[in-house]
Amino acid sequence: MAEAKPRLQPLRIPGGWKTDVNMLYELEPSPDTMDRFYGPILFSATHRNLGHEIYVRWEPEGDPLGRFLLQRYLLKFDEKGSSVLEGYLVDSVYFRERLQLVDRLEMYMELSKWT
């Protein structure tokens, strides 16, 4: 029998956010679950009206001793809102615990201003 695929991590995502990538699962990192922590991005979302973009990665990729990396970016879009004209990193925060990451991710997505 095939092993059951893990469930996606439930997230409270406010209106206006567009989720581009969601590979964040309800899994604790361990040597047995590392196959779910490969890939350049585990979660990414953008709020075009606010110019906010958020990424979650696991670093180092595939290493059970790694950590979640949460990064926030401020973006400036063209008049049509289709192309990014410029952007910069606001901050990077590391988490070993998945639920701490989720709490911070949801908190950041509730903010209307990032400084």
Protein backbone atom coordinates (compact mmCIF):
# COMPACT_ATOMS: atom_id res chain seq x y z
CA MET A 1 0.00 0.00 0.00
CA ALA A 2 1.29 3.46 -0.88
CA GLU A 3 2.27 5.76 1.95
CA ALA A 4 -0.27 8.53 2.58
CA LYS A 5 0.77 11.97 1.40
CA PRO A 6 1.09 14.41 4.31
CA ARG A 7 -1.47 17.17 4.68
CA LEU A 8 -0.63 20.74 3.80
CA GLN A 9 -0.02 23.00 6.77
CA PRO A 10 -3.25 24.91 7.51
CA LEU A 11 -2.63 28.66 7.20
CA ARG A 12 -4.82 31.70 7.88
CA ILE A 13 -4.15 33.79 4.78
CA PRO A 14 -5.82 37.22 4.69
CA GLY A 15 -7.52 38.56 1.57
CA GLY A 16 -5.33 40.09 -1.11
CA TRP A 17 -2.59 37.48 -0.90
CA LYS A 18 -1.89 35.22 -3.89
CA THR A 19 -0.20 31.95 -3.02
CA ASP A 20 2.28 31.01 -5.72
CA VAL A 21 3.87 27.92 -4.12
CA ASN A 22 2.59 25.80 -1.24
CA MET A 23 4.67 22.77 -0.33
CA LEU A 24 4.57 23.44 3.41
CA TYR A 25 3.29 20.30 5.10
CA GLU A 26 2.14 19.37 8.59
CA LEU A 27 5.44 17.58 9.14
CA GLU A 28 8.23 17.99 11.59
CA PRO A 29 11.66 17.89 9.99
CA SER A 30 13.49 14.61 10.58
CA PRO A 31 15.70 12.23 8.60
CA ASP A 32 12.53 10.28 7.66
CA THR A 33 10.67 13.35 6.32
CA MET A 34 13.49 15.18 4.51
CA ASP A 35 12.10 14.24 1.10
CA ARG A 36 9.39 16.89 1.79
CA PHE A 37 11.98 19.59 2.50
CA TYR A 38 13.69 19.61 -0.89
CA GLY A 39 13.21 22.40 -3.38
CA PRO A 40 14.16 26.05 -3.51
CA ILE A 41 10.82 27.26 -2.08
CA LEU A 42 8.34 25.59 0.27
CA PHE A 43 5.88 28.50 0.36
CA SER A 44 5.60 31.82 -1.45
CA ALA A 45 2.88 34.43 -1.63
CA THR A 46 2.51 37.98 -2.95
CA HIS A 47 0.24 40.88 -2.05
CA ARG A 48 0.46 43.14 -5.11
CA ASN A 49 -1.53 46.04 -3.64
CA LEU A 50 0.81 46.27 -0.65
CA GLY A 51 3.95 45.30 -2.58
CA HIS A 52 4.69 42.46 -0.18
CA GLU A 53 6.24 39.11 -1.04
CA ILE A 54 7.06 36.31 1.36
CA TYR A 55 9.10 33.11 0.96
CA VAL A 56 9.71 30.05 3.11
CA ARG A 57 12.66 27.74 2.46
CA TRP A 58 14.43 24.93 4.30
CA GLU A 59 18.17 25.50 4.63
CA PRO A 60 20.35 23.72 4.00
CA GLU A 61 18.07 21.92 1.60
CA GLY A 62 17.42 18.32 2.64
CA ASP A 63 19.51 18.55 5.82
CA PRO A 64 17.61 17.26 8.90
CA LEU A 65 19.65 19.65 11.06
CA GLY A 66 18.57 22.67 8.98
CA ARG A 67 16.01 25.37 9.72
CA PHE A 68 13.09 27.10 8.09
CA LEU A 69 14.01 30.44 6.55
CA LEU A 70 11.25 33.07 6.30
CA GLN A 71 12.05 36.05 4.08
CA ARG A 72 10.05 39.21 3.44
CA TYR A 73 10.48 41.44 0.41
CA LEU A 74 9.07 44.84 -0.53
CA LEU A 75 8.33 45.15 -4.24
CA LYS A 76 7.45 48.03 -6.53
CA PHE A 77 5.32 47.05 -9.53
CA ASP A 78 4.84 48.85 -12.84
CA GLU A 79 1.59 50.78 -13.44
CA LYS A 80 -0.16 47.68 -14.79
CA GLY A 81 0.96 45.64 -11.79
CA SER A 82 2.41 42.95 -14.04
CA SER A 83 6.16 43.49 -13.69
CA VAL A 84 8.39 44.14 -10.71
CA LEU A 85 10.38 47.34 -11.17
CA GLU A 86 12.43 46.97 -8.01
CA GLY A 87 12.47 45.08 -4.76
CA TYR A 88 14.50 44.59 -1.66
CA LEU A 89 14.81 42.19 1.24
CA VAL A 90 13.14 43.44 4.43
CA ASP A 91 14.41 40.67 6.69
CA SER A 92 15.23 37.00 7.10
CA VAL A 93 14.24 34.98 10.15
CA TYR A 94 15.17 31.36 10.92
CA PHE A 95 12.97 28.86 12.76
CA ARG A 96 13.64 25.30 13.83
CA GLU A 97 10.02 24.70 14.90
CA ARG A 98 7.32 24.56 12.22
CA LEU A 99 4.58 26.04 14.42
CA GLN A 100 6.76 29.02 15.34
CA LEU A 101 7.28 29.59 11.62
CA VAL A 102 3.52 29.38 11.00
CA ASP A 103 2.77 31.90 13.77
CA ARG A 104 5.24 34.43 12.36
CA LEU A 105 4.16 33.83 8.76
CA GLU A 106 0.52 34.49 9.62
CA MET A 107 1.45 37.56 11.68
CA TYR A 108 3.48 39.04 8.83
CA MET A 109 0.65 38.48 6.38
CA GLU A 110 -1.71 40.47 8.65
CA LEU A 111 0.52 43.57 8.60
CA SER A 112 -0.37 46.34 6.18
CA LYS A 113 3.09 47.96 6.46
CA TRP A 114 6.50 46.33 6.54
CA THR A 115 9.46 48.42 7.59
